[in-house]
Amino acid sequence: GRTFSSSAMGWFRQAPGKEREFVAAIIKTGGRTYYIDSVKGR
């Protein structure tokens, strides 16, 4: 729908009984990433 490279991409998750939470994201051009502490390193 939109040029893929124009958007940052991320992942969220939602477990039963919990709010949707951030997991990881990557900037438009790649390279720079962000992670929630619980998944960092793995």
Full PDB file with SEQRES, HELIX, SHEET, SSBOND, CRYST1, ORIGX, SCALE, CONECT and MASTER records, all heavy atoms in Angstrom:
SEQRES   1 A   42  GLY ARG THR PHE SER SER SER ALA MET GLY TRP PHE ARG          
SEQRES   2 A   42  GLN ALA PRO GLY LYS GLU ARG GLU PHE VAL ALA ALA ILE          
SEQRES   3 A   42  ILE LYS THR GLY GLY ARG THR TYR TYR ILE ASP SER VAL          
SEQRES   4 A   42  LYS GLY ARG                                                  
HELIX    1 AA1 PHE A    4  SER A    6  5                                   3    
SHEET    1 AA1 3 MET A   9  ARG A  13  0                                        
SHEET    2 AA1 3 GLU A  21  ILE A  26 -1                                        
SHEET    3 AA1 3 THR A  33  TYR A  35 -1                                        
CRYST1    1.000    1.000    1.000  90.00  90.00  90.00 P 1           1          
ORIGX1      1.000000  0.000000  0.000000        0.00000                         
ORIGX2      0.000000  1.000000  0.000000        0.00000                         
ORIGX3      0.000000  0.000000  1.000000        0.00000                         
SCALE1      1.000000  0.000000  0.000000        0.00000                         
SCALE2      0.000000  1.000000  0.000000        0.00000                         
SCALE3      0.000000  0.000000  1.000000        0.00000                         
ATOM      1  N   GLY A   1       0.794  -1.225   0.000  1.00  0.00           N  
ATOM      2  CA  GLY A   1       0.000   0.000   0.000  1.00  0.00           C  
ATOM      3  C   GLY A   1       0.824   1.271   0.000  1.00  0.00           C  
ATOM      4  O   GLY A   1       0.546   2.182  -0.778  1.00  0.00           O  
ATOM      5  N   ARG A   2       1.791   1.362   0.857  1.00  0.00           N  
ATOM      6  CA  ARG A   2       2.682   2.503   0.949  1.00  0.00           C  
ATOM      7  C   ARG A   2       4.106   2.022   0.725  1.00  0.00           C  
ATOM      8  O   ARG A   2       4.419   0.874   1.047  1.00  0.00           O  
ATOM      9  CB  ARG A   2       2.554   3.193   2.308  1.00  0.00           C  
ATOM     10  CG  ARG A   2       3.436   4.422   2.494  1.00  0.00           C  
ATOM     11  CD  ARG A   2       3.391   4.934   3.925  1.00  0.00           C  
ATOM     12  NE  ARG A   2       2.106   5.526   4.254  1.00  0.00           N  
ATOM     13  CZ  ARG A   2       1.824   6.065   5.435  1.00  0.00           C  
ATOM     14  NH1 ARG A   2       2.745   6.078   6.393  1.00  0.00           N  
ATOM     15  NH2 ARG A   2       0.616   6.571   5.657  1.00  0.00           N  
ATOM     16  N   THR A   3       4.942   2.892   0.204  1.00  0.00           N  
ATOM     17  CA  THR A   3       6.338   2.529   0.025  1.00  0.00           C  
ATOM     18  C   THR A   3       6.904   2.046   1.350  1.00  0.00           C  
ATOM     19  O   THR A   3       6.883   2.758   2.344  1.00  0.00           O  
ATOM     20  CB  THR A   3       7.151   3.708  -0.497  1.00  0.00           C  
ATOM     21  OG1 THR A   3       6.607   4.145  -1.747  1.00  0.00           O  
ATOM     22  CG2 THR A   3       8.604   3.320  -0.709  1.00  0.00           C  
ATOM     23  N   PHE A   4       7.382   0.819   1.365  1.00  0.00           N  
ATOM     24  CA  PHE A   4       7.817   0.188   2.597  1.00  0.00           C  
ATOM     25  C   PHE A   4       8.887   0.997   3.304  1.00  0.00           C  
ATOM     26  O   PHE A   4       8.869   1.138   4.526  1.00  0.00           O  
ATOM     27  CB  PHE A   4       8.310  -1.227   2.295  1.00  0.00           C  
ATOM     28  CG  PHE A   4       8.744  -2.009   3.497  1.00  0.00           C  
ATOM     29  CD1 PHE A   4       7.815  -2.493   4.398  1.00  0.00           C  
ATOM     30  CD2 PHE A   4      10.090  -2.268   3.718  1.00  0.00           C  
ATOM     31  CE1 PHE A   4       8.207  -3.227   5.503  1.00  0.00           C  
ATOM     32  CE2 PHE A   4      10.497  -3.006   4.818  1.00  0.00           C  
ATOM     33  CZ  PHE A   4       9.547  -3.485   5.712  1.00  0.00           C  
ATOM     34  N   SER A   5       9.810   1.536   2.543  1.00  0.00           N  
ATOM     35  CA  SER A   5      10.927   2.254   3.138  1.00  0.00           C  
ATOM     36  C   SER A   5      10.516   3.573   3.781  1.00  0.00           C  
ATOM     37  O   SER A   5      11.326   4.185   4.479  1.00  0.00           O  
ATOM     38  CB  SER A   5      12.017   2.504   2.093  1.00  0.00           C  
ATOM     39  OG  SER A   5      11.525   3.292   1.025  1.00  0.00           O  
ATOM     40  N   SER A   6       9.286   4.024   3.572  1.00  0.00           N  
ATOM     41  CA  SER A   6       8.815   5.272   4.170  1.00  0.00           C  
ATOM     42  C   SER A   6       8.302   5.092   5.591  1.00  0.00           C  
ATOM     43  O   SER A   6       7.939   6.074   6.241  1.00  0.00           O  
ATOM     44  CB  SER A   6       7.716   5.890   3.305  1.00  0.00           C  
ATOM     45  OG  SER A   6       6.527   5.127   3.356  1.00  0.00           O  
ATOM     46  N   SER A   7       8.251   3.866   6.082  1.00  0.00           N  
ATOM     47  CA  SER A   7       7.702   3.588   7.399  1.00  0.00           C  
ATOM     48  C   SER A   7       8.710   2.891   8.292  1.00  0.00           C  
ATOM     49  O   SER A   7       9.431   1.997   7.848  1.00  0.00           O  
ATOM     50  CB  SER A   7       6.464   2.700   7.292  1.00  0.00           C  
ATOM     51  OG  SER A   7       5.418   3.346   6.596  1.00  0.00           O  
ATOM     52  N   ALA A   8       8.731   3.317   9.540  1.00  0.00           N  
ATOM     53  CA  ALA A   8       9.381   2.508  10.558  1.00  0.00           C  
ATOM     54  C   ALA A   8       8.515   1.281  10.823  1.00  0.00           C  
ATOM     55  O   ALA A   8       7.288   1.343  10.705  1.00  0.00           O  
ATOM     56  CB  ALA A   8       9.561   3.311  11.841  1.00  0.00           C  
ATOM     57  N   MET A   9       9.138   0.177  11.179  1.00  0.00           N  
ATOM     58  CA  MET A   9       8.413  -1.062  11.429  1.00  0.00           C  
ATOM     59  C   MET A   9       8.676  -1.533  12.844  1.00  0.00           C  
ATOM     60  O   MET A   9       9.781  -1.388  13.366  1.00  0.00           O  
ATOM     61  CB  MET A   9       8.830  -2.144  10.435  1.00  0.00           C  
ATOM     62  CG  MET A   9       8.591  -1.787   8.976  1.00  0.00           C  
ATOM     63  SD  MET A   9       6.844  -1.520   8.595  1.00  0.00           S  
ATOM     64  CE  MET A   9       6.177  -3.157   8.910  1.00  0.00           C  
ATOM     65  N   GLY A  10       7.645  -2.111  13.442  1.00  0.00           N  
ATOM     66  CA  GLY A  10       7.786  -2.583  14.800  1.00  0.00           C  
ATOM     67  C   GLY A  10       6.960  -3.821  15.067  1.00  0.00           C  
ATOM     68  O   GLY A  10       6.153  -4.256  14.234  1.00  0.00           O  
ATOM     69  N   TRP A  11       7.198  -4.373  16.244  1.00  0.00           N  
ATOM     70  CA  TRP A  11       6.465  -5.544  16.710  1.00  0.00           C  
ATOM     71  C   TRP A  11       5.956  -5.291  18.121  1.00  0.00           C  
ATOM     72  O   TRP A  11       6.698  -4.791  18.975  1.00  0.00           O  
ATOM     73  CB  TRP A  11       7.349  -6.794  16.704  1.00  0.00           C  
ATOM     74  CG  TRP A  11       7.734  -7.241  15.333  1.00  0.00           C  
ATOM     75  CD1 TRP A  11       8.835  -6.877  14.624  1.00  0.00           C  
ATOM     76  CD2 TRP A  11       6.999  -8.142  14.501  1.00  0.00           C  
ATOM     77  NE1 TRP A  11       8.839  -7.496  13.402  1.00  0.00           N  
ATOM     78  CE2 TRP A  11       7.723  -8.276  13.291  1.00  0.00           C  
ATOM     79  CE3 TRP A  11       5.809  -8.841  14.655  1.00  0.00           C  
ATOM     80  CZ2 TRP A  11       7.296  -9.086  12.247  1.00  0.00           C  
ATOM     81  CZ3 TRP A  11       5.370  -9.653  13.617  1.00  0.00           C  
ATOM     82  CH2 TRP A  11       6.112  -9.766  12.431  1.00  0.00           C  
ATOM     83  N   PHE A  12       4.706  -5.632  18.355  1.00  0.00           N  
ATOM     84  CA  PHE A  12       4.075  -5.570  19.658  1.00  0.00           C  
ATOM     85  C   PHE A  12       3.513  -6.944  19.984  1.00  0.00           C  
ATOM     86  O   PHE A  12       3.351  -7.780  19.098  1.00  0.00           O  
ATOM     87  CB  PHE A  12       2.955  -4.531  19.683  1.00  0.00           C  
ATOM     88  CG  PHE A  12       3.432  -3.108  19.599  1.00  0.00           C  
ATOM     89  CD1 PHE A  12       3.944  -2.600  18.424  1.00  0.00           C  
ATOM     90  CD2 PHE A  12       3.353  -2.274  20.704  1.00  0.00           C  
ATOM     91  CE1 PHE A  12       4.383  -1.292  18.334  1.00  0.00           C  
ATOM     92  CE2 PHE A  12       3.781  -0.954  20.635  1.00  0.00           C  
ATOM     93  CZ  PHE A  12       4.297  -0.469  19.452  1.00  0.00           C  
ATOM     94  N   ARG A  13       3.200  -7.165  21.248  1.00  0.00           N  
ATOM     95  CA  ARG A  13       2.583  -8.428  21.628  1.00  0.00           C  
ATOM     96  C   ARG A  13       1.549  -8.195  22.714  1.00  0.00           C  
ATOM     97  O   ARG A  13       1.625  -7.235  23.472  1.00  0.00           O  
ATOM     98  CB  ARG A  13       3.628  -9.446  22.097  1.00  0.00           C  
ATOM     99  CG  ARG A  13       4.343  -9.078  23.384  1.00  0.00           C  
ATOM    100  CD  ARG A  13       5.458 -10.063  23.671  1.00  0.00           C  
ATOM    101  NE  ARG A  13       6.172  -9.750  24.893  1.00  0.00           N  
ATOM    102  CZ  ARG A  13       7.277 -10.366  25.298  1.00  0.00           C  
ATOM    103  NH1 ARG A  13       7.797 -11.352  24.563  1.00  0.00           N  
ATOM    104  NH2 ARG A  13       7.865 -10.009  26.429  1.00  0.00           N  
ATOM    105  N   GLN A  14       0.589  -9.099  22.784  1.00  0.00           N  
ATOM    106  CA  GLN A  14      -0.447  -9.017  23.788  1.00  0.00           C  
ATOM    107  C   GLN A  14      -0.755 -10.412  24.299  1.00  0.00           C  
ATOM    108  O   GLN A  14      -1.186 -11.278  23.540  1.00  0.00           O  
ATOM    109  CB  GLN A  14      -1.712  -8.359  23.234  1.00  0.00           C  
ATOM    110  CG  GLN A  14      -2.757  -8.061  24.291  1.00  0.00           C  
ATOM    111  CD  GLN A  14      -3.806  -7.091  23.799  1.00  0.00           C  
ATOM    112  OE1 GLN A  14      -3.989  -6.904  22.601  1.00  0.00           O  
ATOM    113  NE2 GLN A  14      -4.497  -6.459  24.727  1.00  0.00           N  
ATOM    114  N   ALA A  15      -0.526 -10.610  25.581  1.00  0.00           N  
ATOM    115  CA  ALA A  15      -0.825 -11.866  26.239  1.00  0.00           C  
ATOM    116  C   ALA A  15      -2.185 -11.776  26.914  1.00  0.00           C  
ATOM    117  O   ALA A  15      -2.676 -10.677  27.200  1.00  0.00           O  
ATOM    118  CB  ALA A  15       0.255 -12.191  27.268  1.00  0.00           C  
ATOM    119  N   PRO A  16      -2.819 -12.917  27.192  1.00  0.00           N  
ATOM    120  CA  PRO A  16      -4.125 -12.891  27.855  1.00  0.00           C  
ATOM    121  C   PRO A  16      -4.084 -12.116  29.164  1.00  0.00           C  
ATOM    122  O   PRO A  16      -3.194 -12.318  29.994  1.00  0.00           O  
ATOM    123  CB  PRO A  16      -4.423 -14.372  28.102  1.00  0.00           C  
ATOM    124  CG  PRO A  16      -3.665 -15.082  27.029  1.00  0.00           C  
ATOM    125  CD  PRO A  16      -2.401 -14.286  26.864  1.00  0.00           C  
ATOM    126  N   GLY A  17      -5.038 -11.215  29.340  1.00  0.00           N  
ATOM    127  CA  GLY A  17      -5.132 -10.439  30.555  1.00  0.00           C  
ATOM    128  C   GLY A  17      -4.145  -9.304  30.680  1.00  0.00           C  
ATOM    129  O   GLY A  17      -4.094  -8.656  31.735  1.00  0.00           O  
ATOM    130  N   LYS A  18      -3.375  -9.031  29.637  1.00  0.00           N  
ATOM    131  CA  LYS A  18      -2.374  -7.979  29.684  1.00  0.00           C  
ATOM    132  C   LYS A  18      -2.593  -6.995  28.544  1.00  0.00           C  
ATOM    133  O   LYS A  18      -3.222  -7.310  27.539  1.00  0.00           O  
ATOM    134  CB  LYS A  18      -0.966  -8.562  29.607  1.00  0.00           C  
ATOM    135  CG  LYS A  18      -0.634  -9.538  30.723  1.00  0.00           C  
ATOM    136  CD  LYS A  18       0.786 -10.066  30.624  1.00  0.00           C  
ATOM    137  CE  LYS A  18       1.806  -9.000  30.934  1.00  0.00           C  
ATOM    138  NZ  LYS A  18       3.198  -9.556  30.952  1.00  0.00           N  
ATOM    139  N   GLU A  19      -2.052  -5.798  28.713  1.00  0.00           N  
ATOM    140  CA  GLU A  19      -2.130  -4.792  27.665  1.00  0.00           C  
ATOM    141  C   GLU A  19      -1.128  -5.080  26.562  1.00  0.00           C  
ATOM    142  O   GLU A  19      -0.124  -5.759  26.774  1.00  0.00           O  
ATOM    143  CB  GLU A  19      -1.879  -3.405  28.247  1.00  0.00           C  
ATOM    144  CG  GLU A  19      -2.932  -2.947  29.239  1.00  0.00           C  
ATOM    145  CD  GLU A  19      -2.690  -1.535  29.725  1.00  0.00           C  
ATOM    146  OE1 GLU A  19      -1.618  -0.975  29.435  1.00  0.00           O  
ATOM    147  OE2 GLU A  19      -3.582  -0.988  30.385  1.00  0.00           O  
ATOM    148  N   ARG A  20      -1.421  -4.555  25.391  1.00  0.00           N  
ATOM    149  CA  ARG A  20      -0.489  -4.693  24.289  1.00  0.00           C  
ATOM    150  C   ARG A  20       0.798  -3.930  24.611  1.00  0.00           C  
ATOM    151  O   ARG A  20       0.759  -2.775  25.039  1.00  0.00           O  
ATOM    152  CB  ARG A  20      -1.112  -4.160  22.998  1.00  0.00           C  
ATOM    153  CG  ARG A  20      -0.309  -4.474  21.750  1.00  0.00           C  
ATOM    154  CD  ARG A  20      -1.091  -4.132  20.486  1.00  0.00           C  
ATOM    155  NE  ARG A  20      -2.327  -4.890  20.391  1.00  0.00           N  
ATOM    156  CZ  ARG A  20      -3.139  -4.876  19.331  1.00  0.00           C  
ATOM    157  NH1 ARG A  20      -2.835  -4.140  18.275  1.00  0.00           N  
ATOM    158  NH2 ARG A  20      -4.249  -5.591  19.340  1.00  0.00           N  
ATOM    159  N   GLU A  21       1.938  -4.586  24.411  1.00  0.00           N  
ATOM    160  CA  GLU A  21       3.209  -3.986  24.761  1.00  0.00           C  
ATOM    161  C   GLU A  21       4.178  -3.998  23.594  1.00  0.00           C  
ATOM    162  O   GLU A  21       4.154  -4.885  22.741  1.00  0.00           O  
ATOM    163  CB  GLU A  21       3.842  -4.704  25.963  1.00  0.00           C  
ATOM    164  CG  GLU A  21       4.290  -6.120  25.683  1.00  0.00           C  
ATOM    165  CD  GLU A  21       5.067  -6.742  26.835  1.00  0.00           C  
ATOM    166  OE1 GLU A  21       5.383  -6.037  27.818  1.00  0.00           O  
ATOM    167  OE2 GLU A  21       5.361  -7.952  26.764  1.00  0.00           O  
ATOM    168  N   PHE A  22       5.041  -3.014  23.591  1.00  0.00           N  
ATOM    169  CA  PHE A  22       6.094  -2.907  22.600  1.00  0.00           C  
ATOM    170  C   PHE A  22       7.090  -4.037  22.757  1.00  0.00           C  
ATOM    171  O   PHE A  22       7.411  -4.436  23.876  1.00  0.00           O  
ATOM    172  CB  PHE A  22       6.805  -1.560  22.760  1.00  0.00           C  
ATOM    173  CG  PHE A  22       8.042  -1.427  21.931  1.00  0.00           C  
ATOM    174  CD1 PHE A  22       7.971  -1.048  20.606  1.00  0.00           C  
ATOM    175  CD2 PHE A  22       9.283  -1.680  22.478  1.00  0.00           C  
ATOM    176  CE1 PHE A  22       9.109  -0.917  19.835  1.00  0.00           C  
ATOM    177  CE2 PHE A  22      10.438  -1.551  21.724  1.00  0.00           C  
ATOM    178  CZ  PHE A  22      10.344  -1.171  20.399  1.00  0.00           C  
ATOM    179  N   VAL A  23       7.595  -4.559  21.645  1.00  0.00           N  
ATOM    180  CA  VAL A  23       8.625  -5.589  21.662  1.00  0.00           C  
ATOM    181  C   VAL A  23       9.899  -5.094  20.990  1.00  0.00           C  
ATOM    182  O   VAL A  23      10.983  -5.129  21.581  1.00  0.00           O  
ATOM    183  CB  VAL A  23       8.156  -6.886  20.985  1.00  0.00           C  
ATOM    184  CG1 VAL A  23       9.277  -7.925  20.991  1.00  0.00           C  
ATOM    185  CG2 VAL A  23       6.910  -7.431  21.671  1.00  0.00           C  
ATOM    186  N   ALA A  24       9.797  -4.644  19.739  1.00  0.00           N  
ATOM    187  CA  ALA A  24      10.969  -4.234  18.982  1.00  0.00           C  
ATOM    188  C   ALA A  24      10.556  -3.332  17.836  1.00  0.00           C  
ATOM    189  O   ALA A  24       9.420  -3.367  17.377  1.00  0.00           O  
ATOM    190  CB  ALA A  24      11.721  -5.456  18.442  1.00  0.00           C  
ATOM    191  N   ALA A  25      11.493  -2.516  17.354  1.00  0.00           N  
ATOM    192  CA  ALA A  25      11.231  -1.653  16.206  1.00  0.00           C  
ATOM    193  C   ALA A  25      12.531  -1.367  15.476  1.00  0.00           C  
ATOM    194  O   ALA A  25      13.614  -1.454  16.050  1.00  0.00           O  
ATOM    195  CB  ALA A  25      10.565  -0.346  16.636  1.00  0.00           C  
ATOM    196  N   ILE A  26      12.399  -0.990  14.201  1.00  0.00           N  
ATOM    197  CA  ILE A  26      13.544  -0.682  13.368  1.00  0.00           C  
ATOM    198  C   ILE A  26      13.229   0.557  12.543  1.00  0.00           C  
ATOM    199  O   ILE A  26      12.107   0.735  12.070  1.00  0.00           O  
ATOM    200  CB  ILE A  26      13.915  -1.895  12.477  1.00  0.00           C  
ATOM    201  CG1 ILE A  26      15.202  -1.636  11.695  1.00  0.00           C  
ATOM    202  CG2 ILE A  26      12.763  -2.264  11.544  1.00  0.00           C  
ATOM    203  CD1 ILE A  26      15.775  -2.897  11.057  1.00  0.00           C  
ATOM    204  N   ILE A  27      14.220   1.426  12.356  1.00  0.00           N  
ATOM    205  CA  ILE A  27      14.001   2.669  11.642  1.00  0.00           C  
ATOM    206  C   ILE A  27      13.794   2.415  10.153  1.00  0.00           C  
ATOM    207  O   ILE A  27      14.013   1.307   9.654  1.00  0.00           O  
ATOM    208  CB  ILE A  27      15.159   3.667  11.860  1.00  0.00           C  
ATOM    209  CG1 ILE A  27      16.479   3.133  11.273  1.00  0.00           C  
ATOM    210  CG2 ILE A  27      15.323   3.974  13.340  1.00  0.00           C  
ATOM    211  CD1 ILE A  27      17.605   4.165  11.292  1.00  0.00           C  
ATOM    212  N   LYS A  28      13.400   3.449   9.435  1.00  0.00           N  
ATOM    213  CA  LYS A  28      13.017   3.315   8.032  1.00  0.00           C  
ATOM    214  C   LYS A  28      14.104   2.731   7.151  1.00  0.00           C  
ATOM    215  O   LYS A  28      13.823   1.947   6.241  1.00  0.00           O  
ATOM    216  CB  LYS A  28      12.571   4.676   7.484  1.00  0.00           C  
ATOM    217  CG  LYS A  28      11.357   5.258   8.173  1.00  0.00           C  
ATOM    218  CD  LYS A  28      11.091   6.680   7.720  1.00  0.00           C  
ATOM    219  CE  LYS A  28       9.924   7.276   8.475  1.00  0.00           C  
ATOM    220  NZ  LYS A  28       9.674   8.679   8.080  1.00  0.00           N  
ATOM    221  N   THR A  29      15.338   3.118   7.406  1.00  0.00           N  
ATOM    222  CA  THR A  29      16.452   2.676   6.573  1.00  0.00           C  
ATOM    223  C   THR A  29      17.153   1.435   7.122  1.00  0.00           C  
ATOM    224  O   THR A  29      18.105   0.949   6.517  1.00  0.00           O  
ATOM    225  CB  THR A  29      17.481   3.800   6.416  1.00  0.00           C  
ATOM    226  OG1 THR A  29      17.915   4.243   7.699  1.00  0.00           O  
ATOM    227  CG2 THR A  29      16.868   4.979   5.670  1.00  0.00           C  
ATOM    228  N   GLY A  30      16.696   0.926   8.251  1.00  0.00           N  
ATOM    229  CA  GLY A  30      17.339  -0.205   8.874  1.00  0.00           C  
ATOM    230  C   GLY A  30      18.549   0.219   9.685  1.00  0.00           C  
ATOM    231  O   GLY A  30      18.962   1.377   9.665  1.00  0.00           O  
ATOM    232  N   GLY A  31      19.100  -0.711  10.414  1.00  0.00           N  
ATOM    233  CA  GLY A  31      20.290  -0.440  11.204  1.00  0.00           C  
ATOM    234  C   GLY A  31      19.972  -0.161  12.652  1.00  0.00           C  
ATOM    235  O   GLY A  31      20.272  -0.980  13.534  1.00  0.00           O  
ATOM    236  N   ARG A  32      19.363   0.985  12.919  1.00  0.00           N  
ATOM    237  CA  ARG A  32      19.031   1.360  14.286  1.00  0.00           C  
ATOM    238  C   ARG A  32      17.793   0.601  14.740  1.00  0.00           C  
ATOM    239  O   ARG A  32      16.777   0.591  14.047  1.00  0.00           O  
ATOM    240  CB  ARG A  32      18.787   2.860  14.386  1.00  0.00           C  
ATOM    241  CG  ARG A  32      18.528   3.370  15.799  1.00  0.00           C  
ATOM    242  CD  ARG A  32      19.810   3.397  16.610  1.00  0.00           C  
ATOM    243  NE  ARG A  32      19.644   4.117  17.859  1.00  0.00           N  
ATOM    244  CZ  ARG A  32      19.320   3.555  19.012  1.00  0.00           C  
ATOM    245  NH1 ARG A  32      19.136   2.241  19.074  1.00  0.00           N  
ATOM    246  NH2 ARG A  32      19.208   4.288  20.100  1.00  0.00           N  
ATOM    247  N   THR A  33      17.897  -0.024  15.902  1.00  0.00           N  
ATOM    248  CA  THR A  33      16.795  -0.825  16.422  1.00  0.00           C  
ATOM    249  C   THR A  33      16.537  -0.502  17.881  1.00  0.00           C  
ATOM    250  O   THR A  33      17.388   0.040  18.587  1.00  0.00           O  
ATOM    251  CB  THR A  33      17.090  -2.322  16.279  1.00  0.00           C  
ATOM    252  OG1 THR A  33      18.326  -2.627  16.945  1.00  0.00           O  
ATOM    253  CG2 THR A  33      17.203  -2.715  14.810  1.00  0.00           C  
ATOM    254  N   TYR A  34      15.349  -0.863  18.341  1.00  0.00           N  
ATOM    255  CA  TYR A  34      14.938  -0.686  19.726  1.00  0.00           C  
ATOM    256  C   TYR A  34      14.293  -1.979  20.199  1.00  0.00           C  
ATOM    257  O   TYR A  34      13.585  -2.650  19.442  1.00  0.00           O  
ATOM    258  CB  TYR A  34      13.932   0.459  19.865  1.00  0.00           C  
ATOM    259  CG  TYR A  34      14.429   1.791  19.365  1.00  0.00           C  
ATOM    260  CD1 TYR A  34      14.282   2.149  18.033  1.00  0.00           C  
ATOM    261  CD2 TYR A  34      15.041   2.693  20.235  1.00  0.00           C  
ATOM    262  CE1 TYR A  34      14.740   3.375  17.571  1.00  0.00           C  
ATOM    263  CE2 TYR A  34      15.495   3.913  19.775  1.00  0.00           C  
ATOM    264  CZ  TYR A  34      15.345   4.253  18.450  1.00  0.00           C  
ATOM    265  OH  TYR A  34      15.797   5.471  17.996  1.00  0.00           O  
ATOM    266  N   TYR A  35      14.520  -2.320  21.470  1.00  0.00           N  
ATOM    267  CA  TYR A  35      13.968  -3.533  22.039  1.00  0.00           C  
ATOM    268  C   TYR A  35      13.499  -3.293  23.462  1.00  0.00           C  
ATOM    269  O   TYR A  35      14.104  -2.511  24.203  1.00  0.00           O  
ATOM    270  CB  TYR A  35      15.002  -4.657  22.084  1.00  0.00           C  
ATOM    271  CG  TYR A  35      15.547  -5.077  20.747  1.00  0.00           C  
ATOM    272  CD1 TYR A  35      16.713  -4.517  20.252  1.00  0.00           C  
ATOM    273  CD2 TYR A  35      14.901  -6.046  19.990  1.00  0.00           C  
ATOM    274  CE1 TYR A  35      17.220  -4.911  19.020  1.00  0.00           C  
ATOM    275  CE2 TYR A  35      15.401  -6.444  18.767  1.00  0.00           C  
ATOM    276  CZ  TYR A  35      16.564  -5.875  18.287  1.00  0.00           C  
ATOM    277  OH  TYR A  35      17.061  -6.266  17.072  1.00  0.00           O  
ATOM    278  N   ILE A  36      12.458  -4.003  23.837  1.00  0.00           N  
ATOM    279  CA  ILE A  36      12.091  -4.035  25.238  1.00  0.00           C  
ATOM    280  C   ILE A  36      13.126  -4.883  25.974  1.00  0.00           C  
ATOM    281  O   ILE A  36      13.689  -5.826  25.418  1.00  0.00           O  
ATOM    282  CB  ILE A  36      10.667  -4.598  25.416  1.00  0.00           C  
ATOM    283  CG1 ILE A  36      10.150  -4.364  26.828  1.00  0.00           C  
ATOM    284  CG2 ILE A  36      10.607  -6.063  25.057  1.00  0.00           C  
ATOM    285  CD1 ILE A  36       8.672  -4.703  26.991  1.00  0.00           C  
ATOM    286  N   ASP A  37      13.384  -4.541  27.224  1.00  0.00           N  
ATOM    287  CA  ASP A  37      14.457  -5.188  27.965  1.00  0.00           C  
ATOM    288  C   ASP A  37      14.301  -6.705  28.037  1.00  0.00           C  
ATOM    289  O   ASP A  37      15.297  -7.436  28.016  1.00  0.00           O  
ATOM    290  CB  ASP A  37      14.543  -4.614  29.381  1.00  0.00           C  
ATOM    291  CG  ASP A  37      15.161  -3.233  29.419  1.00  0.00           C  
ATOM    292  OD1 ASP A  37      15.753  -2.811  28.413  1.00  0.00           O  
ATOM    293  OD2 ASP A  37      15.056  -2.570  30.470  1.00  0.00           O  
ATOM    294  N   SER A  38      13.088  -7.192  28.115  1.00  0.00           N  
ATOM    295  CA  SER A  38      12.868  -8.616  28.300  1.00  0.00           C  
ATOM    296  C   SER A  38      13.269  -9.465  27.096  1.00  0.00           C  
ATOM    297  O   SER A  38      13.450 -10.675  27.231  1.00  0.00           O  
ATOM    298  CB  SER A  38      11.407  -8.892  28.666  1.00  0.00           C  
ATOM    299  OG  SER A  38      10.541  -8.483  27.626  1.00  0.00           O  
ATOM    300  N   VAL A  39      13.419  -8.868  25.917  1.00  0.00           N  
ATOM    301  CA  VAL A  39      13.833  -9.618  24.735  1.00  0.00           C  
ATOM    302  C   VAL A  39      15.208  -9.204  24.233  1.00  0.00           C  
ATOM    303  O   VAL A  39      15.744  -9.847  23.315  1.00  0.00           O  
ATOM    304  CB  VAL A  39      12.813  -9.495  23.577  1.00  0.00           C  
ATOM    305  CG1 VAL A  39      11.423  -9.876  24.051  1.00  0.00           C  
ATOM    306  CG2 VAL A  39      12.821  -8.092  22.983  1.00  0.00           C  
ATOM    307  N   LYS A  40      15.773  -8.167  24.795  1.00  0.00           N  
ATOM    308  CA  LYS A  40      17.084  -7.681  24.380  1.00  0.00           C  
ATOM    309  C   LYS A  40      18.125  -8.788  24.498  1.00  0.00           C  
ATOM    310  O   LYS A  40      18.212  -9.462  25.519  1.00  0.00           O  
ATOM    311  CB  LYS A  40      17.484  -6.486  25.239  1.00  0.00           C  
ATOM    312  CG  LYS A  40      18.808  -5.837  24.871  1.00  0.00           C  
ATOM    313  CD  LYS A  40      18.667  -4.961  23.655  1.00  0.00           C  
ATOM    314  CE  LYS A  40      19.944  -4.174  23.398  1.00  0.00           C  
ATOM    315  NZ  LYS A  40      19.823  -3.303  22.219  1.00  0.00           N  
ATOM    316  N   GLY A  41      18.900  -8.995  23.437  1.00  0.00           N  
ATOM    317  CA  GLY A  41      19.953  -9.994  23.445  1.00  0.00           C  
ATOM    318  C   GLY A  41      19.550 -11.345  22.907  1.00  0.00           C  
ATOM    319  O   GLY A  41      20.423 -12.166  22.603  1.00  0.00           O  
ATOM    320  N   ARG A  42      18.267 -11.611  22.798  1.00  0.00           N  
ATOM    321  CA  ARG A  42      17.813 -12.887  22.267  1.00  0.00           C  
ATOM    322  C   ARG A  42      16.836 -12.717  21.109  1.00  0.00           C  
ATOM    323  O   ARG A  42      16.330 -13.721  20.592  1.00  0.00           O  
ATOM    324  CB  ARG A  42      17.205 -13.754  23.366  1.00  0.00           C  
ATOM    325  CG  ARG A  42      16.032 -13.152  24.088  1.00  0.00           C  
ATOM    326  CD  ARG A  42      15.637 -14.019  25.291  1.00  0.00           C  
ATOM    327  NE  ARG A  42      14.472 -13.471  25.964  1.00  0.00           N  
ATOM    328  CZ  ARG A  42      13.214 -13.823  25.713  1.00  0.00           C  
ATOM    329  NH1 ARG A  42      12.961 -14.758  24.812  1.00  0.00           N  
ATOM    330  NH2 ARG A  42      12.215 -13.265  26.367  1.00  0.00           N  
TER     331      ARG A  42                                                      
MASTER        0    0    0    1    3    0    0    6  330    1    0    4          
END                                                                             
